[in-house]
Amino acid sequence: MCLLRGFGLVVLSLLITQSIFAADTSQQLFLKHCAQCHGMDRLGGMGPALIPENLKRLSKKSAIAVIKNGRPATQMPAHAKMLTVQQVGMLADYIYSPLPSMPKWDMADISKSNIVHFKPDSLGNKPLYKADMMNLFIVVELGDHHATLLDGDKFEPIHRFKTRFALHGGPKYSPDGRYVYFASRDGWVSKFDIYNLKTVLEVRAGINTRNIAVSGDGRHIMVANYLPHSLVVLDSKTLLPLKVIPTKGADGKTSRVSAVYTAEPRETFIAALKDLPEVWEISYADAPPSGFSGWVHDYNEVSGDEIKPPPFPVRRIRVNDYLDDFFFNQEYTLLMGSSRQGVGQVVDLDLKRVVNKLDLTGMPHLGSGITWQYKGRTVMATPNLKKSEVSIIDMETWKTIKTIKTLGSGFFMRSHENSDYAWVDVFFGPNKDAVHVIDKKTLEIVKTLRPMPGKNAAHVEFDRYGKHALLSVWDMDGALIVYDAKTLKEIKRLPMKKPSGKYNIYNKINRSTGTSH
């Protein structure tokens, strides 16, 4: 009996030892093969952070393939000859395991990460090429992590350059169109000089970043972070941090930031919070906003009887449900938001409260909404991420005046003030190769295009004049396809590596009603 008990203890000891050894081996494998690029703490370095919060778009099966075969057009090497199948699986399990605590990334960390590739005053103030500088596009090619500067008149590439891994949220331009700012999933913000065709500055403003916004005066950039839970204000000239704003509710609960937007007429940024039923408005004006008493933050300084407004004060607006997605009227007085459950609300930013409901179901993608004039009234159109339809909403009554049935749920919808048509993709499902063209006067689908049968067609953008519509085919052997916006005939096809979005400088900085801002 004692022998059996002793044998059982030995077996138990061996099992515990093997378990500890296996856990240690996973970490040791990471330190040996991955830490040099991805950081000893998995929070990133030259390569992106390898934590579950940053790997949501990459399945574990795909991660195993990357570890084994490397990643094209990056410095990620193949490990198939160095690691066994079991070791590759252990590494994949390890990078998908949660960290023991929320990692810190504060002002000091952000400042230390700042990279100066070229001093801005060392470069010329005139473009190195001839083109209509307001009719240029930046085309993001996710397939090999590059971007292409495209001439919007000739539809010819001017320059192709490398970007950070997994750009997200769309590039943003300076008000004069000279600089474009990119944000990557793992928190890097890059400043590219369009005149001189060079990346001049970079900084890591977060660990898992959603998007950025540029202030209307061009002086500040705000970064929306999932991790840590914060908003970060950067100086646009230097990309050095000016302020980190923890996104924390009155009850102490923190929240991820879904997205941040610029409300230029208000001189503010507007933030969507993922985990709090609030909308935040942050002023970037030099003078305190009117009605400063409504703007608060955690550390307003009090000097005698005088209240000193903090830089970038925050105003919190309570809403009826979580808002994951935003759309604004052109004056930025009204915000339309929806949750993933399809609850739509209209928020009056001046009154600081919800004033109406939206007649929507499913999961409307309001961030991709557009507006136009229909029978003397302004209407908003939005695709739906869950339902095969486009909703047309009267922006006075907030009623859905028409639901247009589509071949599947869509992601992007675009138009232009000078075009009679609105374009919407069918991003999800078996008909993802289709794009519908809707007549804005009749609210009917007049044509369905399939530019590359079987391959995902998405994200239309117009040139500055509304004469041409550019469509992406999201495939490694994809293309940027140029259409005559009036006849709907294809006029040019440019091969590209999974071109996701393309962004016209003029339309973006002038807040065209046909595109996202």
Protein backbone atom coordinates (compact mmCIF):
# COMPACT_ATOMS: atom_id res chain seq x y z
CA MET A 1 0.00 0.00 0.00
CA CYS A 2 2.80 2.39 0.89
CA LEU A 3 4.61 1.43 -2.30
CA LEU A 4 1.54 2.24 -4.36
CA ARG A 5 1.10 5.54 -2.55
CA GLY A 6 4.76 6.35 -3.11
CA PHE A 7 4.49 5.44 -6.78
CA GLY A 8 1.43 7.69 -7.11
CA LEU A 9 3.35 10.60 -5.58
CA VAL A 10 6.19 10.06 -8.02
CA VAL A 11 3.79 10.05 -10.98
CA LEU A 12 2.06 13.18 -9.68
CA SER A 13 5.43 14.87 -9.22
CA LEU A 14 6.43 13.94 -12.78
CA LEU A 15 3.16 15.32 -14.18
CA ILE A 16 3.61 18.60 -12.32
CA THR A 17 7.22 18.82 -13.47
CA GLN A 18 6.22 18.16 -17.07
CA SER A 19 3.51 20.82 -16.86
CA ILE A 20 5.94 23.39 -15.50
CA PHE A 21 8.57 22.36 -18.04
CA ALA A 22 6.07 22.70 -20.91
CA ALA A 23 5.06 26.19 -19.73
CA ASP A 24 8.70 27.20 -19.37
CA THR A 25 9.50 25.74 -22.79
CA SER A 26 6.83 27.91 -24.44
CA GLN A 27 8.29 31.02 -22.90
CA GLN A 28 11.84 29.93 -23.67
CA LEU A 29 10.90 29.31 -27.29
CA PHE A 30 9.43 32.79 -27.50
CA LEU A 31 12.49 34.42 -25.92
CA LYS A 32 14.80 32.55 -28.27
CA HIS A 33 12.94 32.99 -31.55
CA CYS A 34 10.56 35.95 -31.17
CA ALA A 35 11.58 38.39 -28.43
CA GLN A 36 14.21 40.23 -30.47
CA CYS A 37 11.51 41.68 -32.74
CA HIS A 38 8.36 41.38 -30.65
CA GLY A 39 9.75 42.28 -27.20
CA MET A 40 10.44 40.10 -24.19
CA ASP A 41 7.05 41.08 -22.75
CA ARG A 42 5.22 40.41 -26.08
CA LEU A 43 4.30 44.11 -26.30
CA GLY A 44 6.14 44.65 -29.57
CA GLY A 45 9.25 46.34 -30.86
CA MET A 46 10.28 46.19 -34.49
CA GLY A 47 7.46 43.67 -34.87
CA PRO A 48 3.88 44.01 -33.56
CA ALA A 49 2.66 43.07 -30.09
CA LEU A 50 1.78 39.38 -29.77
CA ILE A 51 -1.08 39.33 -27.27
CA PRO A 52 -4.72 38.26 -27.71
CA GLU A 53 -5.92 41.87 -27.88
CA ASN A 54 -3.75 42.43 -30.95
CA LEU A 55 -4.43 39.11 -32.66
CA LYS A 56 -8.20 39.27 -33.03
CA ARG A 57 -7.98 39.49 -36.83
CA LEU A 58 -5.56 36.57 -37.02
CA SER A 59 -6.88 33.08 -36.30
CA LYS A 60 -4.65 30.66 -34.44
CA LYS A 61 -4.50 28.51 -37.57
CA SER A 62 -3.22 31.50 -39.56
CA ALA A 63 -0.74 32.34 -36.80
CA ILE A 64 0.69 28.82 -37.02
CA ALA A 65 1.12 29.26 -40.77
CA VAL A 66 2.95 32.58 -40.23
CA ILE A 67 5.29 31.05 -37.64
CA LYS A 68 6.08 28.18 -39.98
CA ASN A 69 6.30 30.02 -43.30
CA GLY A 70 7.04 33.62 -42.37
CA ARG A 71 5.18 36.65 -43.70
CA PRO A 72 5.90 38.01 -47.20
CA ALA A 73 7.25 41.55 -47.53
CA THR A 74 8.15 41.73 -43.82
CA GLN A 75 11.13 40.78 -41.70
CA MET A 76 9.20 37.86 -40.23
CA PRO A 77 11.29 34.73 -41.09
CA ALA A 78 10.08 31.17 -41.60
CA HIS A 79 10.65 28.83 -38.64
CA ALA A 80 9.52 25.52 -40.19
CA LYS A 81 13.09 24.17 -40.34
CA MET A 82 13.97 25.34 -36.83
CA LEU A 83 10.87 24.25 -34.91
CA THR A 84 8.86 21.06 -34.69
CA VAL A 85 5.13 21.00 -35.31
CA GLN A 86 4.62 20.70 -31.54
CA GLN A 87 6.86 23.72 -30.84
CA VAL A 88 5.04 25.83 -33.40
CA GLY A 89 1.76 24.92 -31.71
CA MET A 90 3.21 25.79 -28.30
CA LEU A 91 4.29 29.21 -29.57
CA ALA A 92 0.84 29.84 -31.03
CA ASP A 93 -0.80 28.88 -27.71
CA TYR A 94 1.63 31.14 -25.86
CA ILE A 95 0.98 34.30 -27.88
CA TYR A 96 -2.78 33.78 -27.53
CA SER A 97 -2.52 33.45 -23.73
CA PRO A 98 -3.58 36.61 -21.84
CA LEU A 99 -1.08 38.74 -19.97
CA PRO A 100 -1.33 38.62 -16.16
CA SER A 101 -2.19 42.34 -15.99
CA MET A 102 -2.99 45.31 -18.22
CA PRO A 103 0.30 46.60 -19.64
CA LYS A 104 1.37 50.18 -19.01
CA TRP A 105 2.06 52.62 -21.83
CA ASP A 106 2.31 56.16 -20.52
CA MET A 107 3.76 59.54 -21.54
CA ALA A 108 7.32 58.41 -20.86
CA ASP A 109 6.93 55.24 -22.92
CA ILE A 110 5.39 57.16 -25.80
CA SER A 111 8.10 59.81 -25.74
CA LYS A 112 10.90 57.22 -25.72
CA SER A 113 9.42 55.49 -28.77
CA ASN A 114 9.63 58.64 -30.94
CA ILE A 115 11.66 58.06 -34.13
CA VAL A 116 12.97 60.96 -36.23
CA HIS A 117 13.73 59.69 -39.74
CA PHE A 118 14.08 63.17 -41.22
CA LYS A 119 13.83 66.54 -39.54
CA PRO A 120 10.89 68.33 -41.20
CA ASP A 121 12.90 71.54 -41.72
CA SER A 122 15.58 69.56 -43.57
CA LEU A 123 13.23 68.83 -46.48
CA GLY A 124 12.04 71.12 -49.25
CA ASN A 125 8.65 72.83 -49.28
CA LYS A 126 7.79 72.01 -52.90
CA PRO A 127 6.66 68.68 -54.36
CA LEU A 128 9.30 66.59 -56.12
CA TYR A 129 6.87 65.84 -58.96
CA LYS A 130 4.13 67.52 -61.00
CA ALA A 131 0.53 66.70 -60.21
CA ASP A 132 -2.70 68.22 -58.93
CA MET A 133 -1.81 67.98 -55.24
CA MET A 134 -5.46 68.03 -54.24
CA ASN A 135 -6.39 65.16 -56.55
CA LEU A 136 -3.97 62.61 -55.17
CA PHE A 137 -4.95 59.36 -53.51
CA ILE A 138 -3.24 57.30 -50.86
CA VAL A 139 -4.01 53.64 -51.56
CA VAL A 140 -3.37 51.25 -48.66
CA GLU A 141 -2.19 47.82 -49.80
CA LEU A 142 -2.71 45.50 -46.85
CA GLY A 143 -1.42 42.48 -48.72
CA ASP A 144 2.25 43.38 -48.31
CA HIS A 145 1.99 46.39 -45.95
CA HIS A 146 2.67 49.15 -48.44
CA ALA A 147 0.89 52.28 -49.60
CA THR A 148 0.81 53.85 -53.05
CA LEU A 149 0.56 57.56 -53.81
CA LEU A 150 -1.65 57.72 -56.90
CA ASP A 151 -2.13 60.56 -59.40
CA GLY A 152 -5.91 61.13 -59.51
CA ASP A 153 -5.83 62.63 -63.00
CA LYS A 154 -3.64 60.09 -64.83
CA PHE A 155 -4.35 57.18 -62.46
CA GLU A 156 -0.68 56.34 -62.40
CA PRO A 157 1.35 55.50 -59.29
CA ILE A 158 3.74 58.26 -58.22
CA HIS A 159 5.44 56.40 -55.37
CA ARG A 160 5.03 53.15 -53.45
CA PHE A 161 6.36 52.89 -49.91
CA LYS A 162 6.43 50.54 -46.94
CA THR A 163 4.07 51.06 -44.00
CA ARG A 164 3.78 49.60 -40.53
CA PHE A 165 2.09 46.23 -40.13
CA ALA A 166 -1.73 46.18 -40.19
CA LEU A 167 -2.73 49.80 -40.73
CA HIS A 168 -6.15 50.55 -39.31
CA GLY A 169 -8.72 53.32 -39.33
CA GLY A 170 -7.75 55.02 -42.58
CA PRO A 171 -4.99 57.60 -43.13
CA LYS A 172 -5.65 61.23 -42.17
CA TYR A 173 -4.32 64.36 -43.89
CA SER A 174 -2.99 67.68 -42.65
CA PRO A 175 -5.26 70.58 -43.67
CA ASP A 176 -2.86 71.68 -46.44
CA GLY A 177 -2.58 68.15 -47.83
CA ARG A 178 1.19 67.94 -47.43
CA TYR A 179 1.31 65.27 -44.74
CA VAL A 180 -0.56 62.03 -44.26
CA TYR A 181 -0.72 60.24 -40.91
CA PHE A 182 -1.15 56.49 -40.51
CA ALA A 183 -2.02 54.40 -37.46
CA SER A 184 -1.24 50.70 -37.11
CA ARG A 185 -3.01 48.11 -35.02
CA ASP A 186 -0.05 47.89 -32.66
CA GLY A 187 -0.06 51.58 -31.87
CA TRP A 188 2.44 53.15 -34.26
CA VAL A 189 1.58 56.56 -35.73
CA SER A 190 3.61 57.50 -38.82
CA LYS A 191 3.92 60.89 -40.53
CA PHE A 192 4.60 60.79 -44.27
CA ASP A 193 5.66 63.85 -46.29
CA ILE A 194 3.71 63.70 -49.57
CA TYR A 195 5.85 66.48 -51.10
CA ASN A 196 9.17 64.71 -50.45
CA LEU A 197 7.90 61.10 -50.50
CA LYS A 198 9.44 60.22 -47.15
CA THR A 199 8.28 58.93 -43.78
CA VAL A 200 9.62 61.64 -41.49
CA LEU A 201 8.43 60.77 -37.96
CA GLU A 202 6.97 57.85 -36.03
CA VAL A 203 5.83 57.25 -32.47
CA ARG A 204 4.12 54.41 -30.66
CA ALA A 205 1.07 55.96 -28.99
CA GLY A 206 -0.52 52.74 -27.75
CA ILE A 207 -0.30 48.98 -27.70
CA ASN A 208 -3.55 48.23 -29.55
CA THR A 209 -4.82 51.26 -31.48
CA ARG A 210 -8.09 51.74 -33.33
CA ASN A 211 -7.66 54.97 -35.30
CA ILE A 212 -6.48 58.57 -35.28
CA ALA A 213 -7.97 62.00 -35.99
CA VAL A 214 -6.26 65.25 -36.98
CA SER A 215 -7.52 68.54 -35.54
CA GLY A 216 -9.08 71.03 -37.95
CA ASP A 217 -6.19 73.44 -37.46
CA GLY A 218 -3.70 70.63 -38.12
CA ARG A 219 -1.81 71.09 -34.84
CA HIS A 220 -2.89 68.01 -32.96
CA ILE A 221 -3.47 64.31 -33.50
CA MET A 222 -5.67 62.26 -31.22
CA VAL A 223 -5.14 58.51 -30.95
CA ALA A 224 -7.89 56.09 -29.90
CA ASN A 225 -6.61 53.04 -28.02
CA TYR A 226 -8.08 49.68 -27.14
CA LEU A 227 -4.99 48.99 -25.05
CA PRO A 228 -4.31 50.68 -22.75
CA HIS A 229 -7.72 52.27 -22.26
CA SER A 230 -6.82 55.81 -23.27
CA LEU A 231 -6.89 58.72 -25.67
CA VAL A 232 -3.51 60.22 -26.54
CA VAL A 233 -2.92 63.75 -27.86
CA LEU A 234 0.17 64.22 -30.05
CA ASP A 235 1.83 67.34 -31.38
CA SER A 236 1.50 66.98 -35.15
CA LYS A 237 4.86 68.65 -35.84
CA THR A 238 6.95 66.40 -33.61
CA LEU A 239 4.60 63.47 -32.87
CA LEU A 240 5.56 63.89 -29.20
CA PRO A 241 2.78 63.31 -26.67
CA LEU A 242 1.04 66.29 -25.11
CA LYS A 243 -1.44 64.43 -22.95
CA VAL A 244 -2.70 60.94 -22.12
CA ILE A 245 -6.37 60.87 -21.16
CA PRO A 246 -7.45 57.67 -19.35
CA THR A 247 -10.92 56.66 -20.55
CA LYS A 248 -12.51 56.10 -17.19
CA GLY A 249 -16.12 56.48 -16.10
CA ALA A 250 -17.40 58.12 -12.92
CA ASP A 251 -17.59 54.68 -11.30
CA GLY A 252 -13.92 53.99 -12.04
CA LYS A 253 -14.64 51.53 -14.82
CA THR A 254 -12.31 51.95 -17.77
CA SER A 255 -13.20 51.59 -21.43
CA ARG A 256 -11.63 50.79 -24.74
CA VAL A 257 -12.02 53.54 -27.34
CA SER A 258 -13.82 52.38 -30.47
CA ALA A 259 -12.86 55.39 -32.58
CA VAL A 260 -12.13 59.11 -32.49
CA TYR A 261 -13.34 61.75 -34.95
CA THR A 262 -12.64 65.43 -35.63
CA ALA A 263 -15.56 67.84 -35.33
CA GLU A 264 -13.85 70.73 -37.10
CA PRO A 265 -16.66 73.33 -36.80
CA ARG A 266 -16.64 72.74 -33.01
CA GLU A 267 -12.84 72.63 -32.61
CA THR A 268 -13.22 69.33 -30.82
CA PHE A 269 -12.53 65.62 -31.04
CA ILE A 270 -15.40 63.17 -30.49
CA ALA A 271 -14.67 59.73 -29.02
CA ALA A 272 -16.79 56.58 -29.12
CA LEU A 273 -16.32 54.42 -26.02
CA LYS A 274 -16.66 50.67 -26.28
CA ASP A 275 -17.44 49.87 -22.64
CA LEU A 276 -19.19 52.99 -21.29
CA PRO A 277 -22.60 54.41 -22.33
CA GLU A 278 -21.01 57.80 -22.92
CA VAL A 279 -19.80 60.01 -25.75
CA TRP A 280 -16.75 62.15 -25.02
CA GLU A 281 -16.07 65.53 -26.61
CA ILE A 282 -12.53 66.89 -26.15
CA SER A 283 -11.74 70.50 -27.02
CA TYR A 284 -8.50 71.38 -28.82
CA ALA A 285 -9.24 75.14 -28.93
CA ASP A 286 -6.74 77.50 -27.32
CA ALA A 287 -9.44 79.41 -25.43
CA PRO A 288 -11.74 77.57 -23.02
CA PRO A 289 -14.93 76.40 -24.76
CA SER A 290 -18.06 78.43 -24.12
CA GLY A 291 -19.83 77.09 -21.10
CA PHE A 292 -16.59 75.76 -19.64
CA SER A 293 -18.41 74.51 -16.55
CA GLY A 294 -19.63 71.60 -18.65
CA TRP A 295 -16.09 70.53 -19.47
CA VAL A 296 -14.30 68.56 -16.79
CA HIS A 297 -11.38 66.31 -16.18
CA ASP A 298 -9.73 64.56 -13.29
CA TYR A 299 -7.25 67.23 -12.40
CA ASN A 300 -8.70 70.72 -12.91
CA GLU A 301 -6.33 73.02 -11.02
CA VAL A 302 -7.82 75.48 -8.57
CA SER A 303 -5.93 78.65 -7.74
CA GLY A 304 -7.82 80.78 -5.24
CA ASP A 305 -11.21 81.56 -6.73
CA GLU A 306 -10.00 81.15 -10.29
CA ILE A 307 -10.58 77.83 -12.08
CA LYS A 308 -7.89 77.11 -14.64
CA PRO A 309 -9.18 75.00 -17.53
CA PRO A 310 -6.97 72.00 -18.24
CA PRO A 311 -5.56 71.45 -21.72
CA PHE A 312 -7.89 69.34 -23.85
CA PRO A 313 -10.83 69.38 -21.41
CA VAL A 314 -13.35 66.57 -21.68
CA ARG A 315 -17.12 66.80 -21.75
CA ARG A 316 -19.00 63.57 -21.06
CA ILE A 317 -22.42 63.01 -22.63
CA ARG A 318 -24.52 60.16 -21.28
CA VAL A 319 -26.34 58.05 -23.89
CA ASN A 320 -28.90 55.26 -23.68
CA ASP A 321 -26.66 52.41 -24.82
CA TYR A 322 -23.11 51.69 -25.89
CA LEU A 323 -22.28 53.37 -29.19
CA ASP A 324 -19.74 51.56 -31.36
CA ASP A 325 -20.25 53.49 -34.57
CA PHE A 326 -20.77 57.19 -35.35
CA PHE A 327 -22.03 59.44 -38.11
CA PHE A 328 -22.38 63.25 -38.01
CA ASN A 329 -24.38 65.83 -39.87
CA GLN A 330 -22.25 68.29 -41.86
CA GLU A 331 -22.48 70.97 -39.16
CA TYR A 332 -21.37 68.51 -36.46
CA THR A 333 -24.25 69.48 -34.19
CA LEU A 334 -25.85 66.05 -34.35
CA LEU A 335 -24.29 62.66 -33.81
CA MET A 336 -25.94 59.46 -34.97
CA GLY A 337 -24.67 56.36 -33.19
CA SER A 338 -25.48 52.67 -33.06
CA SER A 339 -24.50 49.68 -30.99
CA ARG A 340 -23.64 46.21 -32.23
CA GLN A 341 -27.19 45.25 -31.25
CA GLY A 342 -28.54 47.79 -33.73
CA VAL A 343 -29.77 50.35 -31.19
CA GLY A 344 -29.60 53.70 -32.99
CA GLN A 345 -29.60 57.07 -31.22
CA VAL A 346 -29.43 60.71 -32.24
CA VAL A 347 -27.38 62.87 -29.87
CA ASP A 348 -27.56 66.67 -29.88
CA LEU A 349 -24.01 67.75 -29.04
CA ASP A 350 -25.11 71.25 -28.02
CA LEU A 351 -27.89 70.03 -25.75
CA LYS A 352 -25.66 67.18 -24.49
CA ARG A 353 -28.38 64.55 -24.64
CA VAL A 354 -30.13 61.96 -26.77
CA VAL A 355 -32.96 63.61 -28.73
CA ASN A 356 -34.26 60.81 -30.94
CA LYS A 357 -34.07 57.16 -31.96
CA LEU A 358 -33.06 55.74 -35.31
CA ASP A 359 -35.43 53.41 -37.08
CA LEU A 360 -32.82 50.71 -37.74
CA THR A 361 -32.28 47.02 -37.10
CA GLY A 362 -29.43 44.55 -37.57
CA MET A 363 -26.02 46.23 -37.32
CA PRO A 364 -25.99 49.45 -39.35
CA HIS A 365 -22.51 50.65 -40.27
CA LEU A 366 -23.06 54.34 -39.62
CA GLY A 367 -19.35 55.09 -39.85
CA SER A 368 -19.71 54.38 -43.56
CA GLY A 369 -22.84 56.48 -43.96
CA ILE A 370 -23.21 59.24 -46.56
CA THR A 371 -25.72 62.03 -47.21
CA TRP A 372 -27.34 63.69 -50.22
CA GLN A 373 -30.35 65.79 -51.15
CA TYR A 374 -33.50 63.84 -51.98
CA LYS A 375 -36.72 65.67 -52.86
CA GLY A 376 -35.53 68.81 -51.09
CA ARG A 377 -34.50 67.06 -47.88
CA THR A 378 -31.22 65.69 -46.56
CA VAL A 379 -31.13 61.93 -46.28
CA MET A 380 -28.54 59.62 -44.84
CA ALA A 381 -27.81 56.19 -46.31
CA THR A 382 -26.10 53.41 -44.40
CA PRO A 383 -25.15 49.82 -45.22
CA ASN A 384 -25.74 47.04 -42.70
CA LEU A 385 -23.19 44.55 -41.36
CA LYS A 386 -25.80 41.91 -40.51
CA LYS A 387 -28.66 42.42 -42.95
CA SER A 388 -28.76 42.50 -46.74
CA GLU A 389 -30.01 46.04 -47.04
CA VAL A 390 -29.26 49.73 -47.26
CA SER A 391 -31.36 52.09 -45.14
CA ILE A 392 -32.31 55.58 -46.33
CA ILE A 393 -33.14 57.89 -43.41
CA ASP A 394 -34.79 61.32 -43.44
CA MET A 395 -32.56 63.53 -41.26
CA GLU A 396 -35.48 65.71 -40.16
CA THR A 397 -37.96 63.07 -39.06
CA TRP A 398 -35.34 60.34 -38.45
CA LYS A 399 -37.64 57.85 -40.14
CA THR A 400 -36.40 55.23 -42.57
CA ILE A 401 -38.04 56.25 -45.83
CA LYS A 402 -36.79 53.28 -47.81
CA THR A 403 -34.95 50.00 -47.34
CA ILE A 404 -33.04 48.84 -50.43
CA LYS A 405 -32.49 45.08 -50.58
CA THR A 406 -28.99 43.99 -51.55
CA LEU A 407 -27.26 40.68 -52.36
CA GLY A 408 -25.69 40.58 -48.92
CA SER A 409 -24.55 42.67 -45.97
CA GLY A 410 -22.22 45.52 -46.85
CA PHE A 411 -19.35 47.42 -45.29
CA PHE A 412 -18.67 50.57 -47.32
CA MET A 413 -20.96 53.06 -49.05
CA ARG A 414 -19.67 56.04 -51.03
CA SER A 415 -20.76 58.82 -53.39
CA HIS A 416 -19.82 62.37 -54.40
CA GLU A 417 -21.68 65.69 -54.56
CA ASN A 418 -21.27 65.73 -58.36
CA SER A 419 -22.42 62.15 -58.92
CA ASP A 420 -25.95 60.83 -59.44
CA TYR A 421 -24.99 57.47 -57.94
CA ALA A 422 -24.14 55.91 -54.60
CA TRP A 423 -22.05 52.74 -54.51
CA VAL A 424 -22.30 50.01 -51.89
CA ASP A 425 -20.37 46.76 -51.65
CA VAL A 426 -21.61 43.31 -50.59
CA PHE A 427 -18.64 42.65 -48.35
CA PHE A 428 -19.85 39.52 -46.56
CA GLY A 429 -21.24 36.27 -47.86
CA PRO A 430 -21.26 34.39 -51.16
CA ASN A 431 -21.84 37.53 -53.26
CA LYS A 432 -18.83 39.44 -51.93
CA ASP A 433 -17.63 40.02 -55.50
CA ALA A 434 -20.64 42.25 -56.24
CA VAL A 435 -21.01 46.03 -55.93
CA HIS A 436 -24.37 47.78 -56.30
CA VAL A 437 -24.83 51.20 -57.91
CA ILE A 438 -27.85 53.10 -56.57
CA ASP A 439 -29.55 56.03 -58.31
CA LYS A 440 -29.79 58.80 -55.69
CA LYS A 441 -32.92 60.25 -57.32
CA THR A 442 -34.98 57.05 -57.56
CA LEU A 443 -33.37 55.10 -54.67
CA GLU A 444 -33.17 52.05 -56.93
CA ILE A 445 -30.25 49.78 -57.82
CA VAL A 446 -29.46 50.54 -61.45
CA LYS A 447 -26.46 48.26 -61.93
CA THR A 448 -24.56 45.49 -60.18
CA LEU A 449 -20.87 45.16 -61.05
CA ARG A 450 -18.67 42.10 -60.57
CA PRO A 451 -15.18 43.34 -61.47
CA MET A 452 -13.33 40.09 -60.56
CA PRO A 453 -15.76 37.20 -60.11
CA GLY A 454 -15.13 35.29 -56.90
CA LYS A 455 -12.92 37.99 -55.36
CA ASN A 456 -13.99 40.49 -52.73
CA ALA A 457 -14.88 43.88 -54.25
CA ALA A 458 -15.16 46.78 -51.81
CA HIS A 459 -14.54 50.40 -50.83
CA VAL A 460 -15.28 52.85 -53.61
CA GLU A 461 -13.85 56.37 -53.50
CA PHE A 462 -14.25 59.24 -55.97
CA ASP A 463 -11.73 61.68 -57.38
CA ARG A 464 -12.04 65.30 -56.30
CA TYR A 465 -14.40 66.17 -59.17
CA GLY A 466 -16.69 63.16 -58.88
CA LYS A 467 -15.86 62.08 -62.44
CA HIS A 468 -14.26 58.75 -61.57
CA ALA A 469 -14.98 56.05 -59.01
CA LEU A 470 -12.13 53.85 -57.78
CA LEU A 471 -12.92 50.36 -56.54
CA SER A 472 -10.72 47.87 -54.67
CA VAL A 473 -10.53 44.12 -55.18
CA TRP A 474 -9.32 42.81 -51.81
CA ASP A 475 -7.05 39.99 -52.91
CA MET A 476 -3.29 39.36 -52.99
CA ASP A 477 -3.70 39.28 -56.75
CA GLY A 478 -6.17 42.12 -56.57
CA ALA A 479 -6.53 45.41 -58.37
CA LEU A 480 -7.58 49.02 -58.17
CA ILE A 481 -10.26 49.51 -60.82
CA VAL A 482 -11.17 52.94 -62.19
CA TYR A 483 -14.70 53.55 -63.50
CA ASP A 484 -16.27 56.44 -65.34
CA ALA A 485 -18.65 57.63 -62.62
CA LYS A 486 -21.31 58.63 -65.16
CA THR A 487 -21.31 55.77 -67.67
CA LEU A 488 -20.20 53.15 -65.10
CA LYS A 489 -17.72 51.73 -67.62
CA GLU A 490 -14.30 50.49 -66.56
CA ILE A 491 -11.49 52.66 -67.92
CA LYS A 492 -8.39 51.34 -66.13
CA ARG A 493 -7.17 48.47 -63.94
CA LEU A 494 -4.04 48.67 -61.75
CA PRO A 495 -2.75 45.40 -60.22
CA MET A 496 -2.18 45.73 -56.46
CA LYS A 497 -1.60 43.60 -53.35
CA LYS A 498 -4.93 43.53 -51.52
CA PRO A 499 -5.72 47.24 -51.84
CA SER A 500 -8.10 47.95 -48.98
CA GLY A 501 -8.92 51.65 -49.00
CA LYS A 502 -8.02 54.63 -51.11
CA TYR A 503 -8.38 58.21 -49.89
CA ASN A 504 -8.62 61.36 -52.00
CA ILE A 505 -6.91 64.36 -50.41
CA TYR A 506 -9.42 66.99 -51.53
CA ASN A 507 -12.51 65.01 -50.56
CA LYS A 508 -11.12 64.16 -47.12
CA ILE A 509 -9.91 67.58 -46.05
CA ASN A 510 -13.07 69.26 -47.40
CA ARG A 511 -15.38 66.76 -45.69
CA SER A 512 -17.21 65.58 -48.79
CA THR A 513 -20.74 64.36 -48.04
CA GLY A 514 -19.99 61.26 -50.10
CA THR A 515 -17.20 59.85 -47.95
CA SER A 516 -16.23 59.25 -44.34
CA HIS A 517 -14.52 62.01 -42.41
